[in-house]
Amino acid sequence: MTDEQFFERLRDDARPLRYEADDVALTRLAARVRERVAAEPTVAQLLARWFRPVAVSLATLALVATLSVQWYERNQQQPVTLDAAMSTDAVEISVDGNTYTLGQ
């Protein structure tokens, strides 16, 4: 079956599905479209139209902040405490020609 035969058969099969309206139906449809375009939104519609994107943006921001804090806390090095510093090797400090050893 060639492409042209396929498309011809497809057109024949789709012919009963076509919407062929009369002039009255087209006039009604056009009037409904014009009415919906010209209608002013109500306060509830206006708030809903603005609230949904704002709520989604804030939720996304909260999720990103939560994940960032978790990632930062997991990857942060443990702070050096006095006990940890005392258990490490000795530290030598040289001041004015004298050498002092700490941690022994």
N, C-alpha and C. Protein backbone atom coordinates (compact mmCIF):
# COMPACT_ATOMS: atom_id res chain seq x y z
N MET A 1 0.86 -1.17 0.00
CA MET A 1 0.00 0.00 0.00
C MET A 1 0.91 1.24 0.00
N THR A 2 0.68 2.14 -0.94
CA THR A 2 1.50 3.35 -1.02
C THR A 2 0.94 4.40 -0.08
N ASP A 3 1.72 5.44 0.09
CA ASP A 3 1.30 6.52 0.98
C ASP A 3 0.03 7.19 0.48
N GLU A 4 -0.08 7.35 -0.83
CA GLU A 4 -1.26 8.03 -1.37
C GLU A 4 -2.51 7.19 -1.15
N GLN A 5 -2.42 5.90 -1.32
CA GLN A 5 -3.58 5.04 -1.07
C GLN A 5 -3.95 5.05 0.41
N PHE A 6 -2.94 5.07 1.28
CA PHE A 6 -3.20 5.10 2.71
C PHE A 6 -3.95 6.38 3.10
N PHE A 7 -3.47 7.53 2.61
CA PHE A 7 -4.12 8.79 2.94
C PHE A 7 -5.53 8.87 2.35
N GLU A 8 -5.69 8.34 1.16
CA GLU A 8 -7.03 8.34 0.55
C GLU A 8 -7.99 7.50 1.38
N ARG A 9 -7.54 6.35 1.83
CA ARG A 9 -8.38 5.49 2.67
C ARG A 9 -8.67 6.15 4.03
N LEU A 10 -7.67 6.82 4.57
CA LEU A 10 -7.85 7.54 5.83
C LEU A 10 -8.88 8.66 5.69
N ARG A 11 -8.84 9.39 4.59
CA ARG A 11 -9.84 10.43 4.35
C ARG A 11 -11.24 9.84 4.23
N ASP A 12 -11.35 8.72 3.55
CA ASP A 12 -12.66 8.08 3.40
C ASP A 12 -13.20 7.59 4.74
N ASP A 13 -12.31 7.06 5.58
CA ASP A 13 -12.75 6.58 6.90
C ASP A 13 -13.13 7.74 7.82
N ALA A 14 -12.48 8.88 7.65
CA ALA A 14 -12.74 10.01 8.53
C ALA A 14 -13.91 10.88 8.06
N ARG A 15 -14.39 10.68 6.87
CA ARG A 15 -15.46 11.52 6.34
C ARG A 15 -16.70 11.54 7.23
N PRO A 16 -17.16 10.41 7.81
CA PRO A 16 -18.35 10.50 8.68
C PRO A 16 -18.08 11.24 9.99
N LEU A 17 -16.84 11.41 10.36
CA LEU A 17 -16.51 12.08 11.61
C LEU A 17 -16.40 13.60 11.47
N ARG A 18 -16.42 14.10 10.26
CA ARG A 18 -16.29 15.53 10.05
C ARG A 18 -17.50 16.26 10.60
N TYR A 19 -17.23 17.47 11.10
CA TYR A 19 -18.31 18.32 11.60
C TYR A 19 -18.68 19.30 10.50
N GLU A 20 -19.81 19.06 9.90
CA GLU A 20 -20.31 19.96 8.86
C GLU A 20 -21.59 20.58 9.39
N ALA A 21 -21.44 21.79 9.88
CA ALA A 21 -22.58 22.46 10.49
C ALA A 21 -23.27 23.37 9.49
N ASP A 22 -24.51 23.65 9.80
CA ASP A 22 -25.25 24.59 8.96
C ASP A 22 -24.95 26.02 9.43
N ASP A 23 -25.53 26.99 8.76
CA ASP A 23 -25.27 28.40 9.09
C ASP A 23 -25.74 28.76 10.49
N VAL A 24 -26.83 28.18 10.95
CA VAL A 24 -27.37 28.50 12.27
C VAL A 24 -26.39 28.03 13.35
N ALA A 25 -25.87 26.84 13.21
CA ALA A 25 -24.94 26.32 14.21
C ALA A 25 -23.64 27.13 14.23
N LEU A 26 -23.16 27.53 13.07
CA LEU A 26 -21.95 28.34 13.02
C LEU A 26 -22.19 29.71 13.64
N THR A 27 -23.36 30.29 13.43
CA THR A 27 -23.68 31.59 14.04
C THR A 27 -23.74 31.46 15.55
N ARG A 28 -24.37 30.41 16.05
CA ARG A 28 -24.44 30.18 17.50
C ARG A 28 -23.05 29.99 18.09
N LEU A 29 -22.24 29.21 17.41
CA LEU A 29 -20.89 28.95 17.90
C LEU A 29 -20.08 30.24 17.96
N ALA A 30 -20.17 31.05 16.93
CA ALA A 30 -19.44 32.32 16.90
C ALA A 30 -19.94 33.25 18.00
N ALA A 31 -21.24 33.28 18.25
CA ALA A 31 -21.80 34.12 19.30
C ALA A 31 -21.33 33.67 20.67
N ARG A 32 -21.25 32.36 20.90
CA ARG A 32 -20.77 31.85 22.19
C ARG A 32 -19.31 32.22 22.42
N VAL A 33 -18.51 32.12 21.36
CA VAL A 33 -17.09 32.47 21.48
C VAL A 33 -16.94 33.95 21.79
N ARG A 34 -17.68 34.81 21.06
CA ARG A 34 -17.62 36.25 21.32
C ARG A 34 -18.07 36.59 22.74
N GLU A 35 -19.10 35.90 23.22
CA GLU A 35 -19.61 36.14 24.56
C GLU A 35 -18.56 35.80 25.62
N ARG A 36 -17.90 34.67 25.46
CA ARG A 36 -16.89 34.26 26.45
C ARG A 36 -15.66 35.16 26.41
N VAL A 37 -15.31 35.64 25.23
CA VAL A 37 -14.15 36.53 25.12
C VAL A 37 -14.47 37.89 25.75
N ALA A 38 -15.67 38.39 25.54
CA ALA A 38 -16.05 39.71 26.03
C ALA A 38 -16.41 39.72 27.51
N ALA A 39 -16.69 38.57 28.10
CA ALA A 39 -17.13 38.52 29.50
C ALA A 39 -15.99 38.92 30.44
N GLU A 40 -16.30 39.77 31.42
CA GLU A 40 -15.34 40.17 32.44
C GLU A 40 -15.25 39.06 33.48
N PRO A 41 -14.04 38.72 33.91
CA PRO A 41 -13.92 37.68 34.94
C PRO A 41 -14.42 38.18 36.29
N THR A 42 -14.97 37.28 37.07
CA THR A 42 -15.42 37.64 38.40
C THR A 42 -14.20 37.72 39.33
N VAL A 43 -14.44 38.21 40.53
CA VAL A 43 -13.35 38.33 41.49
C VAL A 43 -12.77 36.96 41.82
N ALA A 44 -13.63 35.98 41.97
CA ALA A 44 -13.16 34.63 42.29
C ALA A 44 -12.31 34.06 41.15
N GLN A 45 -12.73 34.30 39.92
CA GLN A 45 -11.95 33.81 38.78
C GLN A 45 -10.60 34.53 38.69
N LEU A 46 -10.62 35.83 38.96
CA LEU A 46 -9.38 36.59 38.92
C LEU A 46 -8.41 36.12 40.00
N LEU A 47 -8.92 35.91 41.21
CA LEU A 47 -8.05 35.41 42.29
C LEU A 47 -7.53 34.01 41.99
N ALA A 48 -8.39 33.16 41.47
CA ALA A 48 -7.96 31.80 41.14
C ALA A 48 -6.90 31.81 40.05
N ARG A 49 -7.05 32.70 39.10
CA ARG A 49 -6.11 32.78 38.00
C ARG A 49 -4.73 33.22 38.49
N TRP A 50 -4.67 34.07 39.53
CA TRP A 50 -3.40 34.53 40.06
C TRP A 50 -2.89 33.68 41.20
N PHE A 51 -3.78 33.09 41.98
CA PHE A 51 -3.36 32.36 43.17
C PHE A 51 -2.67 31.05 42.83
N ARG A 52 -3.14 30.35 41.85
CA ARG A 52 -2.56 29.05 41.52
C ARG A 52 -1.08 29.15 41.15
N PRO A 53 -0.69 30.03 40.22
CA PRO A 53 0.75 30.11 39.91
C PRO A 53 1.59 30.59 41.08
N VAL A 54 1.06 31.51 41.88
CA VAL A 54 1.81 32.00 43.04
C VAL A 54 1.99 30.88 44.06
N ALA A 55 0.94 30.10 44.30
CA ALA A 55 1.02 28.99 45.25
C ALA A 55 2.01 27.94 44.76
N VAL A 56 1.99 27.64 43.49
CA VAL A 56 2.93 26.65 42.94
C VAL A 56 4.36 27.17 43.05
N SER A 57 4.57 28.45 42.78
CA SER A 57 5.92 29.02 42.89
C SER A 57 6.42 28.98 44.32
N LEU A 58 5.58 29.34 45.27
CA LEU A 58 6.00 29.30 46.67
C LEU A 58 6.25 27.88 47.15
N ALA A 59 5.43 26.94 46.72
CA ALA A 59 5.65 25.55 47.10
C ALA A 59 6.98 25.03 46.52
N THR A 60 7.27 25.39 45.29
CA THR A 60 8.53 24.99 44.67
C THR A 60 9.71 25.61 45.41
N LEU A 61 9.58 26.87 45.76
CA LEU A 61 10.64 27.55 46.51
C LEU A 61 10.86 26.90 47.87
N ALA A 62 9.79 26.53 48.56
CA ALA A 62 9.91 25.87 49.86
C ALA A 62 10.58 24.51 49.71
N LEU A 63 10.23 23.78 48.67
CA LEU A 63 10.84 22.47 48.43
C LEU A 63 12.33 22.60 48.15
N VAL A 64 12.69 23.56 47.33
CA VAL A 64 14.11 23.77 47.01
C VAL A 64 14.87 24.19 48.26
N ALA A 65 14.28 25.06 49.07
CA ALA A 65 14.94 25.49 50.31
C ALA A 65 15.14 24.32 51.26
N THR A 66 14.13 23.48 51.41
CA THR A 66 14.24 22.32 52.29
C THR A 66 15.33 21.37 51.82
N LEU A 67 15.35 21.09 50.53
CA LEU A 67 16.37 20.19 49.99
C LEU A 67 17.76 20.80 50.12
N SER A 68 17.88 22.11 49.94
CA SER A 68 19.18 22.77 50.06
C SER A 68 19.70 22.71 51.49
N VAL A 69 18.83 22.93 52.45
CA VAL A 69 19.25 22.87 53.85
C VAL A 69 19.68 21.45 54.21
N GLN A 70 18.94 20.46 53.77
CA GLN A 70 19.31 19.07 54.04
C GLN A 70 20.66 18.74 53.41
N TRP A 71 20.87 19.15 52.17
CA TRP A 71 22.13 18.87 51.49
C TRP A 71 23.28 19.57 52.20
N TYR A 72 23.07 20.82 52.62
CA TYR A 72 24.13 21.57 53.30
C TYR A 72 24.49 20.92 54.63
N GLU A 73 23.48 20.50 55.37
CA GLU A 73 23.76 19.88 56.67
C GLU A 73 24.47 18.55 56.53
N ARG A 74 24.16 17.79 55.51
CA ARG A 74 24.82 16.49 55.32
C ARG A 74 26.26 16.65 54.85
N ASN A 75 26.53 17.67 54.06
CA ASN A 75 27.87 17.84 53.50
C ASN A 75 28.75 18.76 54.32
N GLN A 76 28.25 19.34 55.37
CA GLN A 76 29.04 20.24 56.21
C GLN A 76 29.99 19.41 57.06
N GLN A 77 31.21 19.91 57.21
CA GLN A 77 32.17 19.21 58.06
C GLN A 77 31.77 19.40 59.51
N GLN A 78 32.08 18.41 60.30
CA GLN A 78 31.77 18.49 61.72
C GLN A 78 32.64 19.56 62.36
N PRO A 79 32.07 20.39 63.21
CA PRO A 79 32.89 21.43 63.86
C PRO A 79 33.92 20.80 64.79
N VAL A 80 35.04 21.47 64.90
CA VAL A 80 36.11 20.98 65.75
C VAL A 80 35.79 21.37 67.19
N THR A 81 35.66 20.37 68.03
CA THR A 81 35.40 20.63 69.45
C THR A 81 36.71 20.58 70.21
N LEU A 82 36.67 20.99 71.44
CA LEU A 82 37.87 20.98 72.28
C LEU A 82 38.38 19.55 72.48
N ASP A 83 37.47 18.60 72.68
CA ASP A 83 37.89 17.20 72.86
C ASP A 83 38.56 16.66 71.60
N ALA A 84 38.02 17.00 70.45
CA ALA A 84 38.61 16.52 69.21
C ALA A 84 39.97 17.15 68.97
N ALA A 85 40.11 18.41 69.31
CA ALA A 85 41.39 19.09 69.13
C ALA A 85 42.44 18.53 70.08
N MET A 86 42.04 18.16 71.30
CA MET A 86 42.99 17.64 72.29
C MET A 86 43.47 16.24 71.92
N SER A 87 42.65 15.49 71.21
CA SER A 87 43.02 14.12 70.89
C SER A 87 43.90 14.02 69.66
N THR A 88 44.08 15.09 68.94
CA THR A 88 44.93 15.04 67.75
C THR A 88 46.39 15.17 68.15
N ASP A 89 47.25 15.15 67.16
CA ASP A 89 48.69 15.25 67.42
C ASP A 89 49.03 16.59 68.06
N ALA A 90 50.21 16.64 68.63
CA ALA A 90 50.66 17.85 69.30
C ALA A 90 50.89 18.96 68.29
N VAL A 91 50.66 20.19 68.75
CA VAL A 91 50.84 21.36 67.91
C VAL A 91 52.03 22.13 68.45
N GLU A 92 52.91 22.51 67.56
CA GLU A 92 54.07 23.28 67.97
C GLU A 92 53.86 24.73 67.57
N ILE A 93 54.10 25.61 68.56
CA ILE A 93 53.97 27.04 68.32
C ILE A 93 55.31 27.67 68.61
N SER A 94 55.77 28.49 67.69
CA SER A 94 57.05 29.17 67.87
C SER A 94 56.79 30.65 68.07
N VAL A 95 57.20 31.16 69.25
CA VAL A 95 56.99 32.56 69.57
C VAL A 95 58.34 33.12 70.05
N ASP A 96 58.83 34.12 69.36
CA ASP A 96 60.03 34.84 69.74
C ASP A 96 61.23 33.91 69.95
N GLY A 97 61.35 32.96 69.07
CA GLY A 97 62.47 32.04 69.14
C GLY A 97 62.25 30.86 70.05
N ASN A 98 61.24 30.86 70.88
CA ASN A 98 60.94 29.73 71.77
C ASN A 98 59.89 28.84 71.10
N THR A 99 60.01 27.56 71.25
CA THR A 99 59.06 26.60 70.68
C THR A 99 58.29 25.97 71.79
N TYR A 100 56.97 26.04 71.68
CA TYR A 100 56.08 25.45 72.68
C TYR A 100 55.29 24.34 72.02
N THR A 101 55.14 23.23 72.71
CA THR A 101 54.40 22.10 72.20
C THR A 101 53.11 21.98 73.00
N LEU A 102 51.97 21.95 72.30
CA LEU A 102 50.67 21.86 72.94
C LEU A 102 50.05 20.50 72.63
N GLY A 103 49.29 19.98 73.59
CA GLY A 103 48.56 18.75 73.35
C GLY A 103 49.25 17.52 73.85
N GLN A 104 50.22 17.65 74.68
CA GLN A 104 50.87 16.46 75.22
C GLN A 104 50.38 16.16 76.59
